[in-house]
Amino acid sequence: MKRAKGFTLVELMVAVVIMAILAAMAVPLYQNFIATQRIKSASFNLYSSLLFARNEASHRRDNVTITPTGGNWANGWVVTYTNASSTVVELRVQPALKGVVGSSGASALTYYKDGRTNSSSSGTTITLSSDVQGVEGRCIYIEPNGAPRAKAGSTC
């Protein structure tokens, strides 16, 4: 008699159960990974927009303002300047950040032509946090001289 090749139904069911257990363990870890990457991406986008605004202020020899949409940095932001004919020109627009909530910090920052900001003498901190529990937030600290610094952690 020839022996049949292939899997039995029991072997197939054991393999499916093992795959289901591994998937159930991996999904929460994957969700945390995605949330962490969203926070990192959001903080990088904000950091690069702050550098862009500072550079444009120096380059244009004029004030450049970065303003959060709706007063919340998680809703995005707009980098603008006012030209010689008093028209507000949008230089960069950041849409709302998916997965980012509870951001706080300055309502708007104006960079002057020397690269400094209108922030207080102790600097300004913008905090970005995740909508997923247990995911560490990030902070962008803007020094009094206008240079931004990124830090991990919700309490900077």
Protein backbone atom coordinates (compact mmCIF):
# COMPACT_ATOMS: atom_id res chain seq x y z
CA MET A 1 0.00 0.00 0.00
CA LYS A 2 1.19 3.50 -0.84
CA ARG A 3 1.27 6.05 1.92
CA ALA A 4 -0.65 9.28 1.19
CA LYS A 5 1.28 12.56 1.18
CA GLY A 6 0.05 15.67 2.99
CA PHE A 7 -1.30 16.78 6.35
CA THR A 8 -4.00 15.29 8.45
CA LEU A 9 -6.87 17.43 9.67
CA VAL A 10 -5.53 17.28 13.24
CA GLU A 11 -2.08 18.52 12.16
CA LEU A 12 -3.65 21.37 10.21
CA MET A 13 -5.83 22.40 13.17
CA VAL A 14 -2.82 22.40 15.54
CA ALA A 15 -0.92 24.64 13.13
CA VAL A 16 -3.89 27.05 12.84
CA VAL A 17 -4.25 27.25 16.66
CA ILE A 18 -0.53 27.98 17.07
CA MET A 19 -0.73 30.73 14.42
CA ALA A 20 -3.77 32.25 16.17
CA ILE A 21 -1.98 32.31 19.53
CA LEU A 22 1.09 33.98 18.00
CA ALA A 23 -1.08 36.55 16.21
CA ALA A 24 -2.98 37.33 19.43
CA MET A 25 0.32 38.01 21.18
CA ALA A 26 1.72 40.13 18.34
CA VAL A 27 -1.23 42.49 17.75
CA PRO A 28 -0.87 44.56 20.98
CA LEU A 29 2.88 44.86 20.46
CA TYR A 30 2.30 45.96 16.89
CA GLN A 31 -0.24 48.58 18.01
CA ASN A 32 2.29 50.03 20.46
CA PHE A 33 4.96 50.01 17.77
CA ILE A 34 2.69 51.91 15.36
CA ALA A 35 1.71 54.44 18.06
CA THR A 36 5.36 55.01 18.98
CA GLN A 37 6.29 55.57 15.35
CA ARG A 38 3.41 58.06 14.92
CA ILE A 39 4.63 60.09 17.90
CA LYS A 40 8.20 60.03 16.58
CA SER A 41 7.02 61.09 13.13
CA ALA A 42 4.84 63.89 14.54
CA SER A 43 7.69 65.23 16.68
CA PHE A 44 10.06 65.09 13.71
CA ASN A 45 7.55 66.96 11.53
CA LEU A 46 7.13 69.66 14.17
CA TYR A 47 10.87 69.87 14.75
CA SER A 48 11.59 70.23 11.04
CA SER A 49 8.83 72.87 10.66
CA LEU A 50 10.36 74.87 13.52
CA LEU A 51 13.78 74.69 11.86
CA PHE A 52 12.17 75.66 8.55
CA ALA A 53 10.42 78.67 10.12
CA ARG A 54 13.64 79.79 11.80
CA ASN A 55 15.59 79.44 8.56
CA GLU A 56 12.94 81.29 6.54
CA ALA A 57 12.91 84.18 9.04
CA SER A 58 16.65 84.52 8.69
CA HIS A 59 16.55 84.09 4.91
CA ARG A 60 13.66 86.56 4.34
CA ARG A 61 14.93 88.99 7.00
CA ASP A 62 11.35 89.16 8.28
CA ASN A 63 9.15 87.59 10.96
CA VAL A 64 7.85 84.07 10.30
CA THR A 65 5.09 82.60 12.47
CA ILE A 66 4.19 78.99 13.13
CA THR A 67 0.64 78.60 14.46
CA PRO A 68 -1.17 75.44 15.61
CA THR A 69 -4.46 74.76 13.83
CA GLY A 70 -7.34 75.37 16.19
CA GLY A 71 -4.92 76.09 19.04
CA ASN A 72 -3.81 72.45 19.26
CA TRP A 73 -0.57 71.18 17.72
CA ALA A 74 -2.17 67.75 17.16
CA ASN A 75 -4.53 69.39 14.64
CA GLY A 76 -1.55 70.45 12.52
CA TRP A 77 0.07 73.84 12.01
CA VAL A 78 0.76 76.54 9.47
CA VAL A 79 4.03 78.41 8.83
CA THR A 80 3.32 81.93 7.53
CA TYR A 81 4.86 85.31 6.99
CA THR A 82 3.46 88.69 6.01
CA ASN A 83 4.94 90.12 2.81
CA ALA A 84 5.54 93.79 1.95
CA SER A 85 1.97 94.28 0.71
CA SER A 86 0.59 93.00 4.08
CA THR A 87 -0.56 89.70 2.59
CA VAL A 88 -0.19 86.61 4.76
CA VAL A 89 1.67 83.94 2.78
CA GLU A 90 1.52 80.26 3.81
CA LEU A 91 4.94 78.69 3.49
CA ARG A 92 4.11 75.25 4.89
CA VAL A 93 0.92 73.54 6.05
CA GLN A 94 0.91 70.42 8.24
CA PRO A 95 -2.40 68.52 8.35
CA ALA A 96 -3.75 66.91 11.52
CA LEU A 97 -1.55 64.25 13.05
CA LYS A 98 -3.16 60.80 13.23
CA GLY A 99 -2.85 59.10 16.60
CA VAL A 100 -1.60 62.22 18.41
CA VAL A 101 -3.69 63.80 21.17
CA GLY A 102 -3.31 66.14 24.09
CA SER A 103 -0.58 68.26 22.64
CA SER A 104 0.17 71.41 24.55
CA GLY A 105 2.52 74.33 24.42
CA ALA A 106 2.70 77.75 22.89
CA SER A 107 -0.33 79.05 21.00
CA ALA A 108 1.97 80.43 18.29
CA LEU A 109 5.66 81.07 17.82
CA THR A 110 7.11 83.95 15.87
CA TYR A 111 10.67 83.72 14.65
CA TYR A 112 12.43 87.04 14.18
CA LYS A 113 15.05 87.71 11.52
CA ASP A 114 17.85 86.98 14.03
CA GLY A 115 16.47 83.44 14.63
CA ARG A 116 15.09 84.16 18.09
CA THR A 117 11.47 83.62 19.07
CA ASN A 118 8.81 85.46 21.01
CA SER A 119 8.89 82.71 23.67
CA SER A 120 9.61 83.43 27.31
CA SER A 121 13.12 83.84 28.66
CA SER A 122 13.00 80.25 29.94
CA GLY A 123 11.96 78.84 26.55
CA THR A 124 8.82 77.04 25.40
CA THR A 125 7.88 73.36 25.47
CA ILE A 126 5.42 71.65 23.12
CA THR A 127 4.33 68.19 24.27
CA LEU A 128 2.92 65.54 21.93
CA SER A 129 1.28 62.45 23.39
CA SER A 130 -0.31 59.30 21.96
CA ASP A 131 -3.91 58.13 21.98
CA VAL A 132 -2.64 54.66 22.97
CA GLN A 133 -2.12 53.96 26.69
CA GLY A 134 1.46 53.23 27.75
CA VAL A 135 3.14 54.89 24.76
CA GLU A 136 5.70 57.49 25.73
CA GLY A 137 5.14 60.98 24.37
CA ARG A 138 7.72 63.42 23.05
CA CYS A 139 8.54 67.04 23.73
CA ILE A 140 9.96 69.78 21.59
CA TYR A 141 11.72 72.41 23.69
CA ILE A 142 12.33 75.75 21.97
CA GLU A 143 15.24 77.53 23.62
CA PRO A 144 15.17 81.31 24.13
CA ASN A 145 17.59 81.65 21.21
CA GLY A 146 15.02 79.87 18.96
CA ALA A 147 16.78 76.51 18.57
CA PRO A 148 14.39 73.54 18.95
CA ARG A 149 15.42 70.41 20.86
CA ALA A 150 13.51 67.10 20.74
CA LYS A 151 13.24 64.91 23.84
CA ALA A 152 11.52 61.60 24.54
CA GLY A 153 9.13 61.56 27.46
CA SER A 154 5.90 63.31 28.30
CA THR A 155 7.48 65.38 31.06
CA CYS A 156 10.28 67.43 29.63
